[in-house]
PDB file of N, CA and C in Angstrom:
ATOM      1  N   MET A   1     -98.744 -86.865 -94.278  1.00  0.00           N
ATOM      2  CA  MET A   1     -99.636 -86.279 -93.315  1.00  0.00           C
ATOM      3  C   MET A   1     -98.807 -85.307 -92.501  1.00  0.00           C
ATOM      4  N   GLY A   2     -99.333 -84.128 -92.243  1.00  0.00           N
ATOM      5  CA  GLY A   2     -98.619 -83.190 -91.410  1.00  0.00           C
ATOM      6  C   GLY A   2     -98.377 -83.807 -90.046  1.00  0.00           C
ATOM      7  N   LEU A   3     -97.302 -83.404 -89.393  1.00  0.00           N
ATOM      8  CA  LEU A   3     -96.909 -84.020 -88.139  1.00  0.00           C
ATOM      9  C   LEU A   3     -98.021 -83.977 -87.103  1.00  0.00           C
ATOM     10  N   SER A   4     -98.669 -82.830 -86.943  1.00  0.00           N
ATOM     11  CA  SER A   4     -99.722 -82.748 -85.927  1.00  0.00           C
ATOM     12  C   SER A   4    -100.891 -83.648 -86.292  1.00  0.00           C
ATOM     13  N   SER A   5    -101.272 -83.690 -87.560  1.00  0.00           N
ATOM     14  CA  SER A   5    -102.355 -84.558 -87.998  1.00  0.00           C
ATOM     15  C   SER A   5    -101.978 -86.020 -87.816  1.00  0.00           C
ATOM     16  N   PHE A   6    -100.724 -86.356 -88.118  1.00  0.00           N
ATOM     17  CA  PHE A   6    -100.251 -87.724 -87.990  1.00  0.00           C
ATOM     18  C   PHE A   6    -100.343 -88.186 -86.538  1.00  0.00           C
ATOM     19  N   HIS A   7     -99.907 -87.328 -85.597  1.00  0.00           N
ATOM     20  CA  HIS A   7     -99.964 -87.702 -84.186  1.00  0.00           C
ATOM     21  C   HIS A   7    -101.403 -87.827 -83.700  1.00  0.00           C
ATOM     22  N   GLN A   8    -102.285 -86.996 -84.215  1.00  0.00           N
ATOM     23  CA  GLN A   8    -103.695 -87.115 -83.850  1.00  0.00           C
ATOM     24  C   GLN A   8    -104.242 -88.449 -84.331  1.00  0.00           C
ATOM     25  N   ALA A   9    -103.895 -88.839 -85.542  1.00  0.00           N
ATOM     26  CA  ALA A   9    -104.367 -90.123 -86.074  1.00  0.00           C
ATOM     27  C   ALA A   9    -103.837 -91.267 -85.214  1.00  0.00           C
ATOM     28  N   GLN A  10    -102.570 -91.204 -84.821  1.00  0.00           N
ATOM     29  CA  GLN A  10    -102.016 -92.264 -83.991  1.00  0.00           C
ATOM     30  C   GLN A  10    -102.687 -92.314 -82.622  1.00  0.00           C
ATOM     31  N   ALA A  11    -103.074 -91.163 -82.112  1.00  0.00           N
ATOM     32  CA  ALA A  11    -103.730 -91.126 -80.813  1.00  0.00           C
ATOM     33  C   ALA A  11    -105.033 -91.920 -80.835  1.00  0.00           C
ATOM     34  N   PHE A  12    -105.669 -92.018 -81.984  1.00  0.00           N
ATOM     35  CA  PHE A  12    -106.901 -92.776 -82.129  1.00  0.00           C
ATOM     36  C   PHE A  12    -106.630 -94.177 -82.668  1.00  0.00           C
ATOM     37  N   ASN A  13    -105.362 -94.598 -82.637  1.00  0.00           N
ATOM     38  CA  ASN A  13    -104.945 -95.915 -83.086  1.00  0.00           C
ATOM     39  C   ASN A  13    -105.287 -96.167 -84.555  1.00  0.00           C
ATOM     40  N   PHE A  14    -105.066 -95.176 -85.387  1.00  0.00           N
ATOM     41  CA  PHE A  14    -105.264 -95.312 -86.822  1.00  0.00           C
ATOM     42  C   PHE A  14    -103.950 -95.704 -87.480  1.00  0.00           C
ATOM     43  N   ARG A  15    -103.272 -96.695 -86.935  1.00  0.00           N
ATOM     44  CA  ARG A  15    -101.975 -97.115 -87.444  1.00  0.00           C
ATOM     45  C   ARG A  15    -102.056 -97.599 -88.895  1.00  0.00           C
ATOM     46  N   PHE A  16    -103.229 -98.050 -89.311  1.00  0.00           N
ATOM     47  CA  PHE A  16    -103.379 -98.490 -90.692  1.00  0.00           C
ATOM     48  C   PHE A  16    -103.075 -97.370 -91.677  1.00  0.00           C
ATOM     49  N   LEU A  17    -103.135 -96.122 -91.244  1.00  0.00           N
ATOM     50  CA  LEU A  17    -102.834 -94.991 -92.124  1.00  0.00           C
ATOM     51  C   LEU A  17    -101.333 -94.835 -92.378  1.00  0.00           C
ATOM     52  N   ASP A  18    -100.509 -95.496 -91.557  1.00  0.00           N
ATOM     53  CA  ASP A  18     -99.055 -95.354 -91.691  1.00  0.00           C
ATOM     54  C   ASP A  18     -98.562 -95.669 -93.097  1.00  0.00           C
ATOM     55  N   SER A  19     -99.168 -96.624 -93.762  1.00  0.00           N
ATOM     56  CA  SER A  19     -98.708 -97.023 -95.094  1.00  0.00           C
ATOM     57  C   SER A  19     -99.588 -96.458 -96.206  1.00  0.00           C
ATOM     58  N   SER A  20    -100.487 -95.561 -95.866  1.00  0.00           N
ATOM     59  CA  SER A  20    -101.396 -95.002 -96.862  1.00  0.00           C
ATOM     60  C   SER A  20    -100.805 -93.756 -97.528  1.00  0.00           C
ATOM     61  N   ALA A  21    -101.429 -93.344 -98.591  1.00  0.00           N
ATOM     62  CA  ALA A  21    -100.998 -92.127 -99.279  1.00  0.00           C
ATOM     63  C   ALA A  21    -101.077 -90.917 -98.352  1.00  0.00           C
ATOM     64  N   VAL A  22    -102.130 -90.822 -97.562  1.00  0.00           N
ATOM     65  CA  VAL A  22    -102.299 -89.637 -96.715  1.00  0.00           C
ATOM     66  C   VAL A  22    -101.235 -89.530 -95.632  1.00  0.00           C
ATOM     67  N   ALA A  23    -100.577 -90.630 -95.300  1.00  0.00           N
ATOM     68  CA  ALA A  23     -99.485 -90.576 -94.326  1.00  0.00           C
ATOM     69  C   ALA A  23     -98.312 -89.779 -94.867  1.00  0.00           C
ATOM     70  N   ARG A  24     -98.275 -89.586 -96.179  1.00  0.00           N
ATOM     71  CA  ARG A  24     -97.189 -88.837 -96.820  1.00  0.00           C
ATOM     72  C   ARG A  24     -97.553 -87.373 -97.055  1.00  0.00           C
ATOM     73  N   PHE A  25     -98.763 -86.976 -96.720  1.00  0.00           N
ATOM     74  CA  PHE A  25     -99.220 -85.603 -96.945  1.00  0.00           C
ATOM     75  C   PHE A  25     -98.469 -84.613 -96.055  1.00  0.00           C
ATOM     76  N   THR A  26     -98.197 -83.449 -96.624  1.00  0.00           N
ATOM     77  CA  THR A  26     -97.659 -82.331 -95.857  1.00  0.00           C
ATOM     78  C   THR A  26     -98.836 -81.500 -95.352  1.00  0.00           C
ATOM     79  N   ASP A  27     -98.556 -80.569 -94.459  1.00  0.00           N
ATOM     80  CA  ASP A  27     -99.616 -79.669 -94.000  1.00  0.00           C
ATOM     81  C   ASP A  27    -100.215 -78.907 -95.185  1.00  0.00           C
ATOM     82  N   GLU A  28     -99.369 -78.557 -96.145  1.00  0.00           N
ATOM     83  CA  GLU A  28     -99.859 -77.845 -97.331  1.00  0.00           C
ATOM     84  C   GLU A  28    -100.780 -78.732 -98.173  1.00  0.00           C
ATOM     85  N   ASP A  29    -100.450 -80.016 -98.291  1.00  0.00           N
ATOM     86  CA  ASP A  29    -101.342 -80.946 -98.993  1.00  0.00           C
ATOM     87  C   ASP A  29    -102.717 -80.969 -98.339  1.00  0.00           C
ATOM     88  N   TRP A  30    -102.727 -81.035 -97.004  1.00  0.00           N
ATOM     89  CA  TRP A  30    -103.998 -81.061 -96.281  1.00  0.00           C
ATOM     90  C   TRP A  30    -104.805 -79.786 -96.544  1.00  0.00           C
ATOM     91  N   GLN A  31    -104.125 -78.642 -96.599  1.00  0.00           N
ATOM     92  CA  GLN A  31    -104.825 -77.383 -96.857  1.00  0.00           C
ATOM     93  C   GLN A  31    -105.424 -77.373 -98.257  1.00  0.00           C
ATOM     94  N   VAL A  32    -104.667 -77.820 -99.246  1.00  0.00           N
ATOM     95  CA  VAL A  32    -105.183 -77.886-100.620  1.00  0.00           C
ATOM     96  C   VAL A  32    -106.385 -78.828-100.669  1.00  0.00           C
ATOM     97  N   LEU A  33    -106.285 -79.971 -99.977  1.00  0.00           N
ATOM     98  CA  LEU A  33    -107.393 -80.924 -99.932  1.00  0.00           C
ATOM     99  C   LEU A  33    -108.616 -80.316 -99.249  1.00  0.00           C
ATOM    100  N   ARG A  34    -108.422 -79.626 -98.116  1.00  0.00           N
ATOM    101  CA  ARG A  34    -109.559 -78.988 -97.423  1.00  0.00           C
ATOM    102  C   ARG A  34    -110.252 -77.964 -98.312  1.00  0.00           C
ATOM    103  N   ASP A  35    -109.462 -77.131 -99.001  1.00  0.00           N
ATOM    104  CA  ASP A  35    -110.051 -76.123 -99.896  1.00  0.00           C
ATOM    105  C   ASP A  35    -110.848 -76.786-101.015  1.00  0.00           C
ATOM    106  N   ALA A  36    -110.290 -77.837-101.604  1.00  0.00           N
ATOM    107  CA  ALA A  36    -110.978 -78.547-102.688  1.00  0.00           C
ATOM    108  C   ALA A  36    -112.234 -79.247-102.170  1.00  0.00           C
ATOM    109  N   THR A  37    -112.178 -79.757-100.950  1.00  0.00           N
ATOM    110  CA  THR A  37    -113.353 -80.418-100.363  1.00  0.00           C
ATOM    111  C   THR A  37    -114.487 -79.434-100.170  1.00  0.00           C
ATOM    112  N   ARG A  38    -114.177 -78.254 -99.642  1.00  0.00           N
ATOM    113  CA  ARG A  38    -115.218 -77.222 -99.482  1.00  0.00           C
ATOM    114  C   ARG A  38    -115.829 -76.869-100.841  1.00  0.00           C
ATOM    115  N   GLN A  39    -114.985 -76.728-101.863  1.00  0.00           N
ATOM    116  CA  GLN A  39    -115.463 -76.407-103.207  1.00  0.00           C
ATOM    117  C   GLN A  39    -116.385 -77.517-103.715  1.00  0.00           C
ATOM    118  N   ALA A  40    -115.966 -78.763-103.542  1.00  0.00           N
ATOM    119  CA  ALA A  40    -116.766 -79.898-104.013  1.00  0.00           C
ATOM    120  C   ALA A  40    -118.102 -79.987-103.286  1.00  0.00           C
ATOM    121  N   LEU A  41    -118.083 -79.817-101.965  1.00  0.00           N
ATOM    122  CA  LEU A  41    -119.315 -79.935-101.187  1.00  0.00           C
ATOM    123  C   LEU A  41    -120.266 -78.772-101.451  1.00  0.00           C
ATOM    124  N   ASN A  42    -119.721 -77.566-101.586  1.00  0.00           N
ATOM    125  CA  ASN A  42    -120.563 -76.383-101.772  1.00  0.00           C
ATOM    126  C   ASN A  42    -121.042 -76.201-103.205  1.00  0.00           C
ATOM    127  N   HIS A  43    -120.222 -76.571-104.182  1.00  0.00           N
ATOM    128  CA  HIS A  43    -120.538 -76.236-105.569  1.00  0.00           C
ATOM    129  C   HIS A  43    -120.501 -77.411-106.530  1.00  0.00           C
ATOM    130  N   GLY A  44    -119.990 -78.560-106.090  1.00  0.00           N
ATOM    131  CA  GLY A  44    -119.866 -79.717-106.973  1.00  0.00           C
ATOM    132  C   GLY A  44    -121.220 -80.335-107.280  1.00  0.00           C
ATOM    133  N   SER A  45    -121.394 -80.714-108.513  1.00  0.00           N
ATOM    134  CA  SER A  45    -122.619 -81.409-108.913  1.00  0.00           C
ATOM    135  C   SER A  45    -122.534 -82.860-108.450  1.00  0.00           C
ATOM    136  N   ASP A  46    -123.680 -83.444-108.176  1.00  0.00           N
ATOM    137  CA  ASP A  46    -123.736 -84.823-107.716  1.00  0.00           C
ATOM    138  C   ASP A  46    -123.011 -85.742-108.685  1.00  0.00           C
ATOM    139  N   GLY A  47    -122.063 -86.503-108.168  1.00  0.00           N
ATOM    140  CA  GLY A  47    -121.344 -87.472-108.972  1.00  0.00           C
ATOM    141  C   GLY A  47    -120.198 -86.918-109.794  1.00  0.00           C
ATOM    142  N   ASP A  48    -120.063 -85.596-109.869  1.00  0.00           N
ATOM    143  CA  ASP A  48    -118.948 -85.006-110.616  1.00  0.00           C
ATOM    144  C   ASP A  48    -117.676 -85.067-109.773  1.00  0.00           C
ATOM    145  N   THR A  49    -116.583 -85.411-110.415  1.00  0.00           N
ATOM    146  CA  THR A  49    -115.305 -85.538-109.730  1.00  0.00           C
ATOM    147  C   THR A  49    -114.478 -84.270-109.890  1.00  0.00           C
ATOM    148  N   ILE A  50    -113.961 -83.792-108.767  1.00  0.00           N
ATOM    149  CA  ILE A  50    -113.076 -82.631-108.746  1.00  0.00           C
ATOM    150  C   ILE A  50    -111.672 -83.153-108.449  1.00  0.00           C
ATOM    151  N   THR A  51    -110.702 -82.707-109.224  1.00  0.00           N
ATOM    152  CA  THR A  51    -109.318 -83.102-109.002  1.00  0.00           C
ATOM    153  C   THR A  51    -108.560 -81.962-108.334  1.00  0.00           C
ATOM    154  N   TRP A  52    -107.771 -82.289-107.332  1.00  0.00           N
ATOM    155  CA  TRP A  52    -106.915 -81.301-106.669  1.00  0.00           C
ATOM    156  C   TRP A  52    -105.466 -81.742-106.821  1.00  0.00           C
ATOM    157  N   ARG A  53    -104.546 -80.785-106.721  1.00  0.00           N
ATOM    158  CA  ARG A  53    -103.121 -81.092-106.859  1.00  0.00           C
ATOM    159  C   ARG A  53    -102.296 -80.046-106.116  1.00  0.00           C
ATOM    160  N   ASN A  54    -101.297 -80.509-105.398  1.00  0.00           N
ATOM    161  CA  ASN A  54    -100.315 -79.620-104.785  1.00  0.00           C
ATOM    162  C   ASN A  54     -99.076 -79.697-105.683  1.00  0.00           C
ATOM    163  N   ASP A  55     -98.839 -78.652-106.443  1.00  0.00           N
ATOM    164  CA  ASP A  55     -97.720 -78.648-107.384  1.00  0.00           C
ATOM    165  C   ASP A  55     -96.360 -78.721-106.687  1.00  0.00           C
ATOM    166  N   LYS A  56     -96.290 -78.291-105.440  1.00  0.00           N
ATOM    167  CA  LYS A  56     -95.010 -78.329-104.721  1.00  0.00           C
ATOM    168  C   LYS A  56     -94.589 -79.753-104.369  1.00  0.00           C
ATOM    169  N   THR A  57     -95.555 -80.614-104.047  1.00  0.00           N
ATOM    170  CA  THR A  57     -95.234 -81.982-103.638  1.00  0.00           C
ATOM    171  C   THR A  57     -95.547 -83.006-104.727  1.00  0.00           C
ATOM    172  N   GLY A  58     -96.417 -82.626-105.660  1.00  0.00           N
ATOM    173  CA  GLY A  58     -96.862 -83.575-106.678  1.00  0.00           C
ATOM    174  C   GLY A  58     -97.981 -84.473-106.184  1.00  0.00           C
ATOM    175  N   HIS A  59     -98.379 -84.326-104.927  1.00  0.00           N
ATOM    176  CA  HIS A  59     -99.476 -85.125-104.387  1.00  0.00           C
ATOM    177  C   HIS A  59    -100.796 -84.596-104.941  1.00  0.00           C
ATOM    178  N   TRP A  60    -101.727 -85.507-105.183  1.00  0.00           N
ATOM    179  CA  TRP A  60    -102.990 -85.105-105.790  1.00  0.00           C
ATOM    180  C   TRP A  60    -104.072 -86.112-105.438  1.00  0.00           C
ATOM    181  N   GLY A  61    -105.294 -85.767-105.793  1.00  0.00           N
ATOM    182  CA  GLY A  61    -106.396 -86.688-105.547  1.00  0.00           C
ATOM    183  C   GLY A  61    -107.668 -86.205-106.201  1.00  0.00           C
ATOM    184  N   THR A  62    -108.720 -86.967-105.968  1.00  0.00           N
ATOM    185  CA  THR A  62    -110.038 -86.619-106.493  1.00  0.00           C
ATOM    186  C   THR A  62    -111.061 -86.643-105.366  1.00  0.00           C
ATOM    187  N   ILE A  63    -112.106 -85.862-105.571  1.00  0.00           N
ATOM    188  CA  ILE A  63    -113.212 -85.770-104.615  1.00  0.00           C
ATOM    189  C   ILE A  63    -114.488 -85.891-105.419  1.00  0.00           C
ATOM    190  N   THR A  64    -115.361 -86.837-105.026  1.00  0.00           N
ATOM    191  CA  THR A  64    -116.617 -87.046-105.750  1.00  0.00           C
ATOM    192  C   THR A  64    -117.768 -87.036-104.755  1.00  0.00           C
ATOM    193  N   PRO A  65    -118.531 -85.934-104.693  1.00  0.00           N
ATOM    194  CA  PRO A  65    -119.676 -85.890-103.785  1.00  0.00           C
ATOM    195  C   PRO A  65    -120.901 -86.584-104.384  1.00  0.00           C
ATOM    196  N   SER A  66    -121.623 -87.270-103.535  1.00  0.00           N
ATOM    197  CA  SER A  66    -122.878 -87.925-103.924  1.00  0.00           C
ATOM    198  C   SER A  66    -124.042 -86.966-103.699  1.00  0.00           C
ATOM    199  N   PRO A  67    -125.229 -87.341-104.158  1.00  0.00           N
ATOM    200  CA  PRO A  67    -126.381 -86.461-103.931  1.00  0.00           C
ATOM    201  C   PRO A  67    -126.589 -86.155-102.452  1.00  0.00           C
ATOM    202  N   ALA A  68    -127.059 -84.952-102.193  1.00  0.00           N
ATOM    203  CA  ALA A  68    -127.329 -84.533-100.817  1.00  0.00           C
ATOM    204  C   ALA A  68    -128.532 -85.288-100.275  1.00  0.00           C
ATOM    205  N   SER A  69    -128.500 -85.518 -98.969  1.00  0.00           N
ATOM    206  CA  SER A  69    -129.620 -86.140 -98.282  1.00  0.00           C
ATOM    207  C   SER A  69    -129.856 -85.380 -96.983  1.00  0.00           C
ATOM    208  N   ASP A  70    -130.983 -85.660 -96.355  1.00  0.00           N
ATOM    209  CA  ASP A  70    -131.317 -85.004 -95.098  1.00  0.00           C
ATOM    210  C   ASP A  70    -131.077 -85.980 -93.954  1.00  0.00           C
ATOM    211  N   ARG A  71    -130.381 -85.511 -92.933  1.00  0.00           N
ATOM    212  CA  ARG A  71    -130.132 -86.331 -91.746  1.00  0.00           C
ATOM    213  C   ARG A  71    -130.427 -85.465 -90.532  1.00  0.00           C
ATOM    214  N   ALA A  72    -131.562 -85.721 -89.899  1.00  0.00           N
ATOM    215  CA  ALA A  72    -131.977 -84.967 -88.704  1.00  0.00           C
ATOM    216  C   ALA A  72    -131.967 -83.466 -88.960  1.00  0.00           C
ATOM    217  N   GLY A  73    -132.430 -83.063 -90.137  1.00  0.00           N
ATOM    218  CA  GLY A  73    -132.535 -81.651 -90.467  1.00  0.00           C
ATOM    219  C   GLY A  73    -131.285 -81.035 -91.057  1.00  0.00           C
ATOM    220  N   ALA A  74    -130.210 -81.806 -91.171  1.00  0.00           N
ATOM    221  CA  ALA A  74    -128.961 -81.292 -91.742  1.00  0.00           C
ATOM    222  C   ALA A  74    -128.783 -81.847 -93.152  1.00  0.00           C
ATOM    223  N   THR A  75    -128.222 -81.036 -94.030  1.00  0.00           N
ATOM    224  CA  THR A  75    -127.877 -81.499 -95.374  1.00  0.00           C
ATOM    225  C   THR A  75    -126.579 -82.280 -95.293  1.00  0.00           C
ATOM    226  N   CYS A  76    -126.593 -83.504 -95.830  1.00  0.00           N
ATOM    227  CA  CYS A  76    -125.415 -84.365 -95.758  1.00  0.00           C
ATOM    228  C   CYS A  76    -125.056 -84.881 -97.151  1.00  0.00           C
ATOM    229  N   ARG A  77    -123.762 -85.139 -97.361  1.00  0.00           N
ATOM    230  CA  ARG A  77    -123.282 -85.697 -98.636  1.00  0.00           C
ATOM    231  C   ARG A  77    -122.210 -86.739 -98.365  1.00  0.00           C
ATOM    232  N   ARG A  78    -122.443 -87.954 -98.884  1.00  0.00           N
ATOM    233  CA  ARG A  78    -121.373 -88.957 -98.891  1.00  0.00           C
ATOM    234  C   ARG A  78    -120.396 -88.522 -99.955  1.00  0.00           C
ATOM    235  N   THR A  79    -119.110 -88.595 -99.634  1.00  0.00           N
ATOM    236  CA  THR A  79    -118.082 -88.081-100.528  1.00  0.00           C
ATOM    237  C   THR A  79    -116.933 -89.078-100.625  1.00  0.00           C
ATOM    238  N   ARG A  80    -116.569 -89.422-101.856  1.00  0.00           N
ATOM    239  CA  ARG A  80    -115.461 -90.352-102.080  1.00  0.00           C
ATOM    240  C   ARG A  80    -114.181 -89.560-102.308  1.00  0.00           C
ATOM    241  N   PHE A  81    -113.134 -89.979-101.599  1.00  0.00           N
ATOM    242  CA  PHE A  81    -111.817 -89.366-101.728  1.00  0.00           C
ATOM    243  C   PHE A  81    -110.824 -90.404-102.232  1.00  0.00           C
ATOM    244  N   VAL A  82    -110.094 -90.047-103.268  1.00  0.00           N
ATOM    245  CA  VAL A  82    -108.967 -90.850-103.722  1.00  0.00           C
ATOM    246  C   VAL A  82    -107.749 -89.944-103.614  1.00  0.00           C
ATOM    247  N   ALA A  83    -106.719 -90.411-102.915  1.00  0.00           N
ATOM    248  CA  ALA A  83    -105.513 -89.609-102.697  1.00  0.00           C
ATOM    249  C   ALA A  83    -104.303 -90.362-103.237  1.00  0.00           C
ATOM    250  N   ASN A  84    -103.380 -89.625-103.842  1.00  0.00           N
ATOM    251  CA  ASN A  84    -102.161 -90.191-104.405  1.00  0.00           C
ATOM    252  C   ASN A  84    -100.956 -89.427-103.892  1.00  0.00           C
ATOM    253  N   ALA A  85    -100.023 -90.162-103.285  1.00  0.00           N
ATOM    254  CA  ALA A  85     -98.790 -89.555-102.767  1.00  0.00           C
ATOM    255  C   ALA A  85     -97.732 -90.642-102.639  1.00  0.00           C
ATOM    256  N   ALA A  86     -96.516 -90.312-103.027  1.00  0.00           N
ATOM    257  CA  ALA A  86     -95.371 -91.214-102.867  1.00  0.00           C
ATOM    258  C   ALA A  86     -95.666 -92.605-103.422  1.00  0.00           C
ATOM    259  N   GLN A  87     -96.241 -92.659-104.599  1.00  0.00           N
ATOM    260  CA  GLN A  87     -96.560 -93.897-105.301  1.00  0.00           C
ATOM    261  C   GLN A  87     -97.525 -94.795-104.520  1.00  0.00           C
ATOM    262  N   ARG A  88     -98.363 -94.176-103.714  1.00  0.00           N
ATOM    263  CA  ARG A  88     -99.397 -94.896-102.961  1.00  0.00           C
ATOM    264  C   ARG A  88    -100.739 -94.255-103.256  1.00  0.00           C
ATOM    265  N   THR A  89    -101.778 -95.061-103.189  1.00  0.00           N
ATOM    266  CA  THR A  89    -103.128 -94.566-103.411  1.00  0.00           C
ATOM    267  C   THR A  89    -104.013 -94.982-102.248  1.00  0.00           C
ATOM    268  N   SER A  90    -104.815 -94.038-101.761  1.00  0.00           N
ATOM    269  CA  SER A  90    -105.803 -94.308-100.722  1.00  0.00           C
ATOM    270  C   SER A  90    -107.172 -93.982-101.284  1.00  0.00           C
ATOM    271  N   ASP A  91    -108.176 -94.747-100.881  1.00  0.00           N
ATOM    272  CA  ASP A  91    -109.540 -94.561-101.360  1.00  0.00           C
ATOM    273  C   ASP A  91    -110.474 -94.736-100.175  1.00  0.00           C
ATOM    274  N   THR A  92    -111.253 -93.706 -99.875  1.00  0.00           N
ATOM    275  CA  THR A  92    -112.180 -93.788 -98.747  1.00  0.00           C
ATOM    276  C   THR A  92    -113.418 -92.956 -99.032  1.00  0.00           C
ATOM    277  N   THR A  93    -114.489 -93.277 -98.348  1.00  0.00           N
ATOM    278  CA  THR A  93    -115.731 -92.510 -98.464  1.00  0.00           C
ATOM    279  C   THR A  93    -116.113 -92.007 -97.082  1.00  0.00           C
ATOM    280  N   VAL A  94    -116.458 -90.717 -97.029  1.00  0.00           N
ATOM    281  CA  VAL A  94    -116.798 -90.049 -95.771  1.00  0.00           C
ATOM    282  C   VAL A  94    -118.119 -89.312 -95.971  1.00  0.00           C
ATOM    283  N   THR A  95    -118.946 -89.280 -94.938  1.00  0.00           N
ATOM    284  CA  THR A  95    -120.175 -88.498 -94.981  1.00  0.00           C
ATOM    285  C   THR A  95    -119.957 -87.195 -94.218  1.00  0.00           C
ATOM    286  N   PHE A  96    -120.263 -86.084 -94.900  1.00  0.00           N
ATOM    287  CA  PHE A  96    -120.199 -84.757 -94.296  1.00  0.00           C
ATOM    288  C   PHE A  96    -121.609 -84.218 -94.156  1.00  0.00           C
ATOM    289  N   CYS A  97    -121.866 -83.503 -93.062  1.00  0.00           N
ATOM    290  CA  CYS A  97    -123.151 -82.825 -92.867  1.00  0.00           C
ATOM    291  C   CYS A  97    -122.877 -81.343 -92.632  1.00  0.00           C
ATOM    292  N   ARG A  98    -123.756 -80.518 -93.187  1.00  0.00           N
ATOM    293  CA  ARG A  98    -123.625 -79.066 -93.027  1.00  0.00           C
ATOM    294  C   ARG A  98    -124.351 -78.672 -91.744  1.00  0.00           C
ATOM    295  N   ILE A  99    -123.553 -78.232 -90.766  1.00  0.00           N
ATOM    296  CA  ILE A  99    -124.087 -77.867 -89.450  1.00  0.00           C
ATOM    297  C   ILE A  99    -123.613 -76.461 -89.130  1.00  0.00           C
ATOM    298  N   ASP A 100    -124.566 -75.581 -88.827  1.00  0.00           N
ATOM    299  CA  ASP A 100    -124.239 -74.182 -88.527  1.00  0.00           C
ATOM    300  C   ASP A 100    -123.385 -73.557 -89.622  1.00  0.00           C
ATOM    301  N   GLY A 101    -123.714 -73.886 -90.885  1.00  0.00           N
ATOM    302  CA  GLY A 101    -123.033 -73.278 -92.026  1.00  0.00           C
ATOM    303  C   GLY A 101    -121.692 -73.877 -92.385  1.00  0.00           C
ATOM    304  N   GLN A 102    -121.258 -74.925 -91.668  1.00  0.00           N
ATOM    305  CA  GLN A 102    -119.960 -75.541 -91.962  1.00  0.00           C
ATOM    306  C   GLN A 102    -120.127 -77.041 -92.167  1.00  0.00           C
ATOM    307  N   TRP A 103    -119.319 -77.596 -93.101  1.00  0.00           N
ATOM    308  CA  TRP A 103    -119.326 -79.038 -93.337  1.00  0.00           C
ATOM    309  C   TRP A 103    -118.496 -79.724 -92.261  1.00  0.00           C
ATOM    310  N   LYS A 104    -119.085 -80.752 -91.645  1.00  0.00           N
ATOM    311  CA  LYS A 104    -118.398 -81.515 -90.614  1.00  0.00           C
ATOM    312  C   LYS A 104    -118.563 -83.003 -90.901  1.00  0.00           C
ATOM    313  N   VAL A 105    -117.582 -83.782 -90.504  1.00  0.00           N
ATOM    314  CA  VAL A 105    -117.674 -85.230 -90.683  1.00  0.00           C
ATOM    315  C   VAL A 105    -118.807 -85.751 -89.806  1.00  0.00           C
ATOM    316  N   ALA A 106    -119.685 -86.543 -90.407  1.00  0.00           N
ATOM    317  CA  ALA A 106    -120.825 -87.093 -89.683  1.00  0.00           C
ATOM    318  C   ALA A 106    -120.364 -88.190 -88.733  1.00  0.00           C
ATOM    319  N   GLN A 107    -121.008 -88.275 -87.616  1.00  0.00           N
ATOM    320  CA  GLN A 107    -120.687 -89.322 -86.621  1.00  0.00           C
ATOM    321  C   GLN A 107    -121.355 -90.605 -86.970  1.00  0.00           C
TER     322      GLN A 107
END
């Protein structure tokens, strides 16, 4: 995890991330992941898995968006993320909603 992102996570007491794959991500890994996430959310077919990889670090993962749904007038997609870094694997699902033309993590 990039230093600034890591400190933000700690500020919210996300210490459980310390031993996760994402704790090993560089800022560049996060950028590759963000770009792949936008691609998956904007163009990925429901249930299709997109694989991303940072060739500089060898870190990689998959993104699998679920069918879109409506939440208070916004288009939302539950999305599964699997991340691999430093011989660790993390698996989580996050819901994103498209608000004002941008995907944001749903509250």
